[in-house]
Amino acid sequence: MVARPPSPVGALIPRFFAGRHVLITGATGFMGKVFDVIRQTNPAQLDKLRVIPGDVSEPGLGLPQSALQILKEVIGVLCRTHFAFQF
């Protein structure tokens, strides 16, 4: 098998996120599983995480106005990771 050359885009990803605060929604599902892996393999990284319980179906994420204002001032990147499943 021939090795693929490194992607120039891959090198840009860490630079994009460096120094930014990221809000991830939908963390109880897929991201919860990622959180478990981080907790088991690199627990020192947990210092960078803060859990903020909220509800994306509620106005203002269901957060108190004071918490919502802090998020508006601090968050630089929003990642929506929740999914809708119908069986």
PDB file of N, CA and C in Angstrom:
ATOM      1  N   MET A   1       0.841  -1.177   0.000  1.00  0.00           N
ATOM      2  CA  MET A   1       0.000   0.000   0.000  1.00  0.00           C
ATOM      3  C   MET A   1       0.893   1.250   0.000  1.00  0.00           C
ATOM      4  N   VAL A   2       0.532   2.218  -0.778  1.00  0.00           N
ATOM      5  CA  VAL A   2       1.280   3.466  -0.875  1.00  0.00           C
ATOM      6  C   VAL A   2       0.796   4.427   0.209  1.00  0.00           C
ATOM      7  N   ALA A   3       1.738   5.019   0.918  1.00  0.00           N
ATOM      8  CA  ALA A   3       1.380   5.977   1.973  1.00  0.00           C
ATOM      9  C   ALA A   3       0.886   7.276   1.355  1.00  0.00           C
ATOM     10  N   ARG A   4      -0.177   7.808   1.942  1.00  0.00           N
ATOM     11  CA  ARG A   4      -0.695   9.100   1.469  1.00  0.00           C
ATOM     12  C   ARG A   4       0.146  10.228   2.049  1.00  0.00           C
ATOM     13  N   PRO A   5       0.390  11.249   1.246  1.00  0.00           N
ATOM     14  CA  PRO A   5       1.111  12.404   1.793  1.00  0.00           C
ATOM     15  C   PRO A   5       0.241  13.106   2.837  1.00  0.00           C
ATOM     16  N   PRO A   6       0.866  13.751   3.815  1.00  0.00           N
ATOM     17  CA  PRO A   6       0.075  14.455   4.829  1.00  0.00           C
ATOM     18  C   PRO A   6      -0.772  15.561   4.203  1.00  0.00           C
ATOM     19  N   SER A   7      -1.946  15.740   4.746  1.00  0.00           N
ATOM     20  CA  SER A   7      -2.862  16.755   4.234  1.00  0.00           C
ATOM     21  C   SER A   7      -2.481  18.131   4.770  1.00  0.00           C
ATOM     22  N   PRO A   8      -2.365  19.138   3.902  1.00  0.00           N
ATOM     23  CA  PRO A   8      -2.070  20.481   4.398  1.00  0.00           C
ATOM     24  C   PRO A   8      -3.216  21.038   5.238  1.00  0.00           C
ATOM     25  N   VAL A   9      -4.433  20.568   4.988  1.00  0.00           N
ATOM     26  CA  VAL A   9      -5.585  21.030   5.764  1.00  0.00           C
ATOM     27  C   VAL A   9      -5.483  20.523   7.195  1.00  0.00           C
ATOM     28  N   GLY A  10      -5.010  19.286   7.370  1.00  0.00           N
ATOM     29  CA  GLY A  10      -4.868  18.715   8.705  1.00  0.00           C
ATOM     30  C   GLY A  10      -3.992  19.560   9.610  1.00  0.00           C
ATOM     31  N   ALA A  11      -2.983  20.184   9.055  1.00  0.00           N
ATOM     32  CA  ALA A  11      -2.105  21.037   9.854  1.00  0.00           C
ATOM     33  C   ALA A  11      -2.797  22.330  10.268  1.00  0.00           C
ATOM     34  N   LEU A  12      -3.809  22.750   9.525  1.00  0.00           N
ATOM     35  CA  LEU A  12      -4.505  23.997   9.835  1.00  0.00           C
ATOM     36  C   LEU A  12      -5.519  23.845  10.964  1.00  0.00           C
ATOM     37  N   ILE A  13      -6.013  22.641  11.184  1.00  0.00           N
ATOM     38  CA  ILE A  13      -7.058  22.434  12.185  1.00  0.00           C
ATOM     39  C   ILE A  13      -6.603  22.837  13.583  1.00  0.00           C
ATOM     40  N   PRO A  14      -5.456  22.364  14.075  1.00  0.00           N
ATOM     41  CA  PRO A  14      -5.036  22.802  15.415  1.00  0.00           C
ATOM     42  C   PRO A  14      -4.860  24.317  15.512  1.00  0.00           C
ATOM     43  N   ARG A  15      -4.375  24.935  14.458  1.00  0.00           N
ATOM     44  CA  ARG A  15      -4.214  26.395  14.478  1.00  0.00           C
ATOM     45  C   ARG A  15      -5.554  27.102  14.543  1.00  0.00           C
ATOM     46  N   PHE A  16      -6.549  26.574  13.851  1.00  0.00           N
ATOM     47  CA  PHE A  16      -7.876  27.183  13.865  1.00  0.00           C
ATOM     48  C   PHE A  16      -8.461  27.182  15.273  1.00  0.00           C
ATOM     49  N   PHE A  17      -8.326  26.080  15.987  1.00  0.00           N
ATOM     50  CA  PHE A  17      -8.922  25.959  17.313  1.00  0.00           C
ATOM     51  C   PHE A  17      -8.057  26.532  18.432  1.00  0.00           C
ATOM     52  N   ALA A  18      -6.794  26.795  18.180  1.00  0.00           N
ATOM     53  CA  ALA A  18      -5.887  27.274  19.231  1.00  0.00           C
ATOM     54  C   ALA A  18      -6.404  28.559  19.866  1.00  0.00           C
ATOM     55  N   GLY A  19      -6.524  28.542  21.186  1.00  0.00           N
ATOM     56  CA  GLY A  19      -6.932  29.726  21.926  1.00  0.00           C
ATOM     57  C   GLY A  19      -8.412  30.049  21.855  1.00  0.00           C
ATOM     58  N   ARG A  20      -9.200  29.219  21.209  1.00  0.00           N
ATOM     59  CA  ARG A  20     -10.639  29.479  21.085  1.00  0.00           C
ATOM     60  C   ARG A  20     -11.430  28.616  22.058  1.00  0.00           C
ATOM     61  N   HIS A  21     -12.543  29.147  22.486  1.00  0.00           N
ATOM     62  CA  HIS A  21     -13.480  28.392  23.306  1.00  0.00           C
ATOM     63  C   HIS A  21     -14.541  27.810  22.378  1.00  0.00           C
ATOM     64  N   VAL A  22     -14.821  26.518  22.547  1.00  0.00           N
ATOM     65  CA  VAL A  22     -15.741  25.801  21.673  1.00  0.00           C
ATOM     66  C   VAL A  22     -16.945  25.338  22.489  1.00  0.00           C
ATOM     67  N   LEU A  23     -18.139  25.611  21.986  1.00  0.00           N
ATOM     68  CA  LEU A  23     -19.363  25.103  22.589  1.00  0.00           C
ATOM     69  C   LEU A  23     -19.841  23.941  21.734  1.00  0.00           C
ATOM     70  N   ILE A  24     -19.987  22.762  22.363  1.00  0.00           N
ATOM     71  CA  ILE A  24     -20.429  21.568  21.661  1.00  0.00           C
ATOM     72  C   ILE A  24     -21.800  21.191  22.191  1.00  0.00           C
ATOM     73  N   THR A  25     -22.785  21.134  21.312  1.00  0.00           N
ATOM     74  CA  THR A  25     -24.129  20.719  21.719  1.00  0.00           C
ATOM     75  C   THR A  25     -24.333  19.256  21.352  1.00  0.00           C
ATOM     76  N   GLY A  26     -25.279  18.616  22.012  1.00  0.00           N
ATOM     77  CA  GLY A  26     -25.552  17.211  21.740  1.00  0.00           C
ATOM     78  C   GLY A  26     -24.551  16.277  22.379  1.00  0.00           C
ATOM     79  N   ALA A  27     -23.922  16.719  23.443  1.00  0.00           N
ATOM     80  CA  ALA A  27     -22.809  15.978  24.033  1.00  0.00           C
ATOM     81  C   ALA A  27     -23.212  14.723  24.792  1.00  0.00           C
ATOM     82  N   THR A  28     -24.490  14.492  25.021  1.00  0.00           N
ATOM     83  CA  THR A  28     -24.861  13.297  25.774  1.00  0.00           C
ATOM     84  C   THR A  28     -24.775  12.032  24.937  1.00  0.00           C
ATOM     85  N   GLY A  29     -24.783  12.151  23.639  1.00  0.00           N
ATOM     86  CA  GLY A  29     -24.730  10.975  22.769  1.00  0.00           C
ATOM     87  C   GLY A  29     -23.319  10.691  22.310  1.00  0.00           C
ATOM     88  N   PHE A  30     -23.037  11.011  21.062  1.00  0.00           N
ATOM     89  CA  PHE A  30     -21.736  10.733  20.467  1.00  0.00           C
ATOM     90  C   PHE A  30     -20.602  11.380  21.243  1.00  0.00           C
ATOM     91  N   MET A  31     -20.735  12.652  21.570  1.00  0.00           N
ATOM     92  CA  MET A  31     -19.649  13.344  22.274  1.00  0.00           C
ATOM     93  C   MET A  31     -19.453  12.787  23.678  1.00  0.00           C
ATOM     94  N   GLY A  32     -20.511  12.256  24.273  1.00  0.00           N
ATOM     95  CA  GLY A  32     -20.361  11.598  25.571  1.00  0.00           C
ATOM     96  C   GLY A  32     -19.427  10.404  25.471  1.00  0.00           C
ATOM     97  N   LYS A  33     -19.507   9.679  24.371  1.00  0.00           N
ATOM     98  CA  LYS A  33     -18.607   8.545  24.153  1.00  0.00           C
ATOM     99  C   LYS A  33     -17.168   9.028  23.961  1.00  0.00           C
ATOM    100  N   VAL A  34     -16.991  10.123  23.244  1.00  0.00           N
ATOM    101  CA  VAL A  34     -15.656  10.701  23.067  1.00  0.00           C
ATOM    102  C   VAL A  34     -15.103  11.144  24.418  1.00  0.00           C
ATOM    103  N   PHE A  35     -15.948  11.769  25.226  1.00  0.00           N
ATOM    104  CA  PHE A  35     -15.553  12.205  26.565  1.00  0.00           C
ATOM    105  C   PHE A  35     -15.045  11.019  27.378  1.00  0.00           C
ATOM    106  N   ASP A  36     -15.722   9.878  27.308  1.00  0.00           N
ATOM    107  CA  ASP A  36     -15.289   8.690  28.044  1.00  0.00           C
ATOM    108  C   ASP A  36     -13.908   8.228  27.596  1.00  0.00           C
ATOM    109  N   VAL A  37     -13.642   8.261  26.296  1.00  0.00           N
ATOM    110  CA  VAL A  37     -12.327   7.863  25.786  1.00  0.00           C
ATOM    111  C   VAL A  37     -11.252   8.810  26.307  1.00  0.00           C
ATOM    112  N   ILE A  38     -11.519  10.111  26.269  1.00  0.00           N
ATOM    113  CA  ILE A  38     -10.547  11.091  26.767  1.00  0.00           C
ATOM    114  C   ILE A  38     -10.292  10.860  28.250  1.00  0.00           C
ATOM    115  N   ARG A  39     -11.356  10.619  28.996  1.00  0.00           N
ATOM    116  CA  ARG A  39     -11.226  10.406  30.440  1.00  0.00           C
ATOM    117  C   ARG A  39     -10.340   9.197  30.730  1.00  0.00           C
ATOM    118  N   GLN A  40     -10.436   8.163  29.922  1.00  0.00           N
ATOM    119  CA  GLN A  40      -9.658   6.951  30.148  1.00  0.00           C
ATOM    120  C   GLN A  40      -8.231   7.057  29.639  1.00  0.00           C
ATOM    121  N   THR A  41      -8.019   7.738  28.523  1.00  0.00           N
ATOM    122  CA  THR A  41      -6.699   7.748  27.889  1.00  0.00           C
ATOM    123  C   THR A  41      -5.855   8.976  28.199  1.00  0.00           C
ATOM    124  N   ASN A  42      -6.477  10.105  28.484  1.00  0.00           N
ATOM    125  CA  ASN A  42      -5.723  11.337  28.723  1.00  0.00           C
ATOM    126  C   ASN A  42      -6.481  12.230  29.705  1.00  0.00           C
ATOM    127  N   PRO A  43      -6.601  11.810  30.966  1.00  0.00           N
ATOM    128  CA  PRO A  43      -7.432  12.542  31.924  1.00  0.00           C
ATOM    129  C   PRO A  43      -6.990  13.986  32.166  1.00  0.00           C
ATOM    130  N   ALA A  44      -5.739  14.323  31.900  1.00  0.00           N
ATOM    131  CA  ALA A  44      -5.284  15.709  32.094  1.00  0.00           C
ATOM    132  C   ALA A  44      -6.037  16.670  31.176  1.00  0.00           C
ATOM    133  N   GLN A  45      -6.530  16.180  30.043  1.00  0.00           N
ATOM    134  CA  GLN A  45      -7.272  17.028  29.114  1.00  0.00           C
ATOM    135  C   GLN A  45      -8.632  17.445  29.660  1.00  0.00           C
ATOM    136  N   LEU A  46      -9.119  16.739  30.678  1.00  0.00           N
ATOM    137  CA  LEU A  46     -10.424  17.067  31.252  1.00  0.00           C
ATOM    138  C   LEU A  46     -10.437  18.455  31.880  1.00  0.00           C
ATOM    139  N   ASP A  47      -9.275  18.969  32.249  1.00  0.00           N
ATOM    140  CA  ASP A  47      -9.204  20.324  32.806  1.00  0.00           C
ATOM    141  C   ASP A  47      -9.679  21.368  31.802  1.00  0.00           C
ATOM    142  N   LYS A  48      -9.670  21.018  30.531  1.00  0.00           N
ATOM    143  CA  LYS A  48     -10.084  21.954  29.486  1.00  0.00           C
ATOM    144  C   LYS A  48     -11.586  21.914  29.223  1.00  0.00           C
ATOM    145  N   LEU A  49     -12.292  20.975  29.842  1.00  0.00           N
ATOM    146  CA  LEU A  49     -13.718  20.785  29.569  1.00  0.00           C
ATOM    147  C   LEU A  49     -14.588  21.338  30.684  1.00  0.00           C
ATOM    148  N   ARG A  50     -15.697  21.915  30.310  1.00  0.00           N
ATOM    149  CA  ARG A  50     -16.722  22.364  31.257  1.00  0.00           C
ATOM    150  C   ARG A  50     -18.063  21.873  30.734  1.00  0.00           C
ATOM    151  N   VAL A  51     -18.811  21.229  31.592  1.00  0.00           N
ATOM    152  CA  VAL A  51     -20.140  20.760  31.216  1.00  0.00           C
ATOM    153  C   VAL A  51     -21.149  21.829  31.599  1.00  0.00           C
ATOM    154  N   ILE A  52     -21.963  22.229  30.630  1.00  0.00           N
ATOM    155  CA  ILE A  52     -23.003  23.230  30.860  1.00  0.00           C
ATOM    156  C   ILE A  52     -24.329  22.598  30.446  1.00  0.00           C
ATOM    157  N   PRO A  53     -25.108  22.122  31.416  1.00  0.00           N
ATOM    158  CA  PRO A  53     -26.397  21.520  31.055  1.00  0.00           C
ATOM    159  C   PRO A  53     -27.323  22.566  30.437  1.00  0.00           C
ATOM    160  N   GLY A  54     -27.913  22.231  29.332  1.00  0.00           N
ATOM    161  CA  GLY A  54     -28.837  23.137  28.656  1.00  0.00           C
ATOM    162  C   GLY A  54     -29.781  22.347  27.777  1.00  0.00           C
ATOM    163  N   ASP A  55     -30.644  23.057  27.078  1.00  0.00           N
ATOM    164  CA  ASP A  55     -31.635  22.420  26.210  1.00  0.00           C
ATOM    165  C   ASP A  55     -31.756  23.246  24.935  1.00  0.00           C
ATOM    166  N   VAL A  56     -31.276  22.688  23.815  1.00  0.00           N
ATOM    167  CA  VAL A  56     -31.283  23.434  22.559  1.00  0.00           C
ATOM    168  C   VAL A  56     -32.690  23.713  22.050  1.00  0.00           C
ATOM    169  N   SER A  57     -33.690  23.035  22.592  1.00  0.00           N
ATOM    170  CA  SER A  57     -35.065  23.294  22.160  1.00  0.00           C
ATOM    171  C   SER A  57     -35.695  24.463  22.914  1.00  0.00           C
ATOM    172  N   GLU A  58     -34.999  24.972  23.916  1.00  0.00           N
ATOM    173  CA  GLU A  58     -35.501  26.094  24.717  1.00  0.00           C
ATOM    174  C   GLU A  58     -34.869  27.405  24.247  1.00  0.00           C
ATOM    175  N   PRO A  59     -35.580  28.516  24.391  1.00  0.00           N
ATOM    176  CA  PRO A  59     -34.964  29.818  24.092  1.00  0.00           C
ATOM    177  C   PRO A  59     -33.738  30.030  24.983  1.00  0.00           C
ATOM    178  N   GLY A  60     -32.686  30.550  24.391  1.00  0.00           N
ATOM    179  CA  GLY A  60     -31.465  30.806  25.155  1.00  0.00           C
ATOM    180  C   GLY A  60     -30.846  29.549  25.720  1.00  0.00           C
ATOM    181  N   LEU A  61     -31.085  28.424  25.046  1.00  0.00           N
ATOM    182  CA  LEU A  61     -30.571  27.115  25.471  1.00  0.00           C
ATOM    183  C   LEU A  61     -31.088  26.687  26.839  1.00  0.00           C
ATOM    184  N   GLY A  62     -32.109  27.369  27.339  1.00  0.00           N
ATOM    185  CA  GLY A  62     -32.647  27.050  28.655  1.00  0.00           C
ATOM    186  C   GLY A  62     -31.723  27.470  29.784  1.00  0.00           C
ATOM    187  N   LEU A  63     -30.795  28.373  29.484  1.00  0.00           N
ATOM    188  CA  LEU A  63     -29.815  28.825  30.477  1.00  0.00           C
ATOM    189  C   LEU A  63     -30.254  30.133  31.113  1.00  0.00           C
ATOM    190  N   PRO A  64     -29.783  30.393  32.336  1.00  0.00           N
ATOM    191  CA  PRO A  64     -30.027  31.715  32.920  1.00  0.00           C
ATOM    192  C   PRO A  64     -29.388  32.795  32.045  1.00  0.00           C
ATOM    193  N   GLN A  65     -29.949  33.974  32.037  1.00  0.00           N
ATOM    194  CA  GLN A  65     -29.450  35.071  31.207  1.00  0.00           C
ATOM    195  C   GLN A  65     -27.975  35.354  31.472  1.00  0.00           C
ATOM    196  N   SER A  66     -27.551  35.269  32.730  1.00  0.00           N
ATOM    197  CA  SER A  66     -26.145  35.549  33.063  1.00  0.00           C
ATOM    198  C   SER A  66     -25.213  34.538  32.400  1.00  0.00           C
ATOM    199  N   ALA A  67     -25.583  33.253  32.416  1.00  0.00           N
ATOM    200  CA  ALA A  67     -24.756  32.225  31.779  1.00  0.00           C
ATOM    201  C   ALA A  67     -24.755  32.390  30.266  1.00  0.00           C
ATOM    202  N   LEU A  68     -25.899  32.714  29.707  1.00  0.00           N
ATOM    203  CA  LEU A  68     -26.000  32.914  28.265  1.00  0.00           C
ATOM    204  C   LEU A  68     -25.132  34.086  27.814  1.00  0.00           C
ATOM    205  N   GLN A  69     -25.110  35.139  28.584  1.00  0.00           N
ATOM    206  CA  GLN A  69     -24.286  36.301  28.245  1.00  0.00           C
ATOM    207  C   GLN A  69     -22.803  35.945  28.247  1.00  0.00           C
ATOM    208  N   ILE A  70     -22.369  35.161  29.229  1.00  0.00           N
ATOM    209  CA  ILE A  70     -20.965  34.731  29.276  1.00  0.00           C
ATOM    210  C   ILE A  70     -20.631  33.909  28.035  1.00  0.00           C
ATOM    211  N   LEU A  71     -21.519  32.996  27.651  1.00  0.00           N
ATOM    212  CA  LEU A  71     -21.277  32.193  26.449  1.00  0.00           C
ATOM    213  C   LEU A  71     -21.169  33.073  25.210  1.00  0.00           C
ATOM    214  N   LYS A  72     -22.037  34.054  25.092  1.00  0.00           N
ATOM    215  CA  LYS A  72     -22.001  34.953  23.935  1.00  0.00           C
ATOM    216  C   LYS A  72     -20.680  35.704  23.848  1.00  0.00           C
ATOM    217  N   GLU A  73     -20.112  36.042  24.989  1.00  0.00           N
ATOM    218  CA  GLU A  73     -18.863  36.805  25.010  1.00  0.00           C
ATOM    219  C   GLU A  73     -17.637  35.928  24.789  1.00  0.00           C
ATOM    220  N   VAL A  74     -17.708  34.665  25.176  1.00  0.00           N
ATOM    221  CA  VAL A  74     -16.520  33.816  25.216  1.00  0.00           C
ATOM    222  C   VAL A  74     -16.419  32.836  24.044  1.00  0.00           C
ATOM    223  N   ILE A  75     -17.531  32.266  23.613  1.00  0.00           N
ATOM    224  CA  ILE A  75     -17.496  31.188  22.622  1.00  0.00           C
ATOM    225  C   ILE A  75     -17.081  31.714  21.249  1.00  0.00           C
ATOM    226  N   GLY A  76     -16.087  31.048  20.661  1.00  0.00           N
ATOM    227  CA  GLY A  76     -15.620  31.420  19.332  1.00  0.00           C
ATOM    228  C   GLY A  76     -16.037  30.439  18.252  1.00  0.00           C
ATOM    229  N   VAL A  77     -16.384  29.207  18.657  1.00  0.00           N
ATOM    230  CA  VAL A  77     -16.761  28.170  17.700  1.00  0.00           C
ATOM    231  C   VAL A  77     -17.934  27.387  18.284  1.00  0.00           C
ATOM    232  N   LEU A  78     -18.946  27.126  17.461  1.00  0.00           N
ATOM    233  CA  LEU A  78     -20.098  26.327  17.877  1.00  0.00           C
ATOM    234  C   LEU A  78     -20.145  25.063  17.031  1.00  0.00           C
ATOM    235  N   CYS A  79     -20.167  23.905  17.680  1.00  0.00           N
ATOM    236  CA  CYS A  79     -20.282  22.619  16.995  1.00  0.00           C
ATOM    237  C   CYS A  79     -21.572  21.953  17.438  1.00  0.00           C
ATOM    238  N   ARG A  80     -22.475  21.745  16.500  1.00  0.00           N
ATOM    239  CA  ARG A  80     -23.745  21.070  16.798  1.00  0.00           C
ATOM    240  C   ARG A  80     -23.581  19.596  16.460  1.00  0.00           C
ATOM    241  N   THR A  81     -23.638  18.738  17.468  1.00  0.00           N
ATOM    242  CA  THR A  81     -23.400  17.317  17.243  1.00  0.00           C
ATOM    243  C   THR A  81     -24.613  16.451  17.534  1.00  0.00           C
ATOM    244  N   HIS A  82     -25.750  17.047  17.803  1.00  0.00           N
ATOM    245  CA  HIS A  82     -26.921  16.220  18.091  1.00  0.00           C
ATOM    246  C   HIS A  82     -27.549  15.726  16.784  1.00  0.00           C
ATOM    247  N   PHE A  83     -28.148  14.570  16.882  1.00  0.00           N
ATOM    248  CA  PHE A  83     -28.737  13.934  15.712  1.00  0.00           C
ATOM    249  C   PHE A  83     -30.181  13.564  16.016  1.00  0.00           C
ATOM    250  N   ALA A  84     -30.994  13.501  15.003  1.00  0.00           N
ATOM    251  CA  ALA A  84     -32.373  13.035  15.150  1.00  0.00           C
ATOM    252  C   ALA A  84     -32.467  11.638  14.544  1.00  0.00           C
ATOM    253  N   PHE A  85     -32.954  10.711  15.327  1.00  0.00           N
ATOM    254  CA  PHE A  85     -33.119   9.340  14.854  1.00  0.00           C
ATOM    255  C   PHE A  85     -34.581   8.964  14.889  1.00  0.00           C
ATOM    256  N   GLN A  86     -35.027   8.272  13.855  1.00  0.00           N
ATOM    257  CA  GLN A  86     -36.370   7.702  13.846  1.00  0.00           C
ATOM    258  C   GLN A  86     -36.240   6.246  13.450  1.00  0.00           C
ATOM    259  N   PHE A  87     -36.820   5.379  14.248  1.00  0.00           N
ATOM    260  CA  PHE A  87     -36.752   3.946  13.963  1.00  0.00           C
ATOM    261  C   PHE A  87     -38.119   3.430  13.622  1.00  0.00           C
TER     262      PHE A  87
END
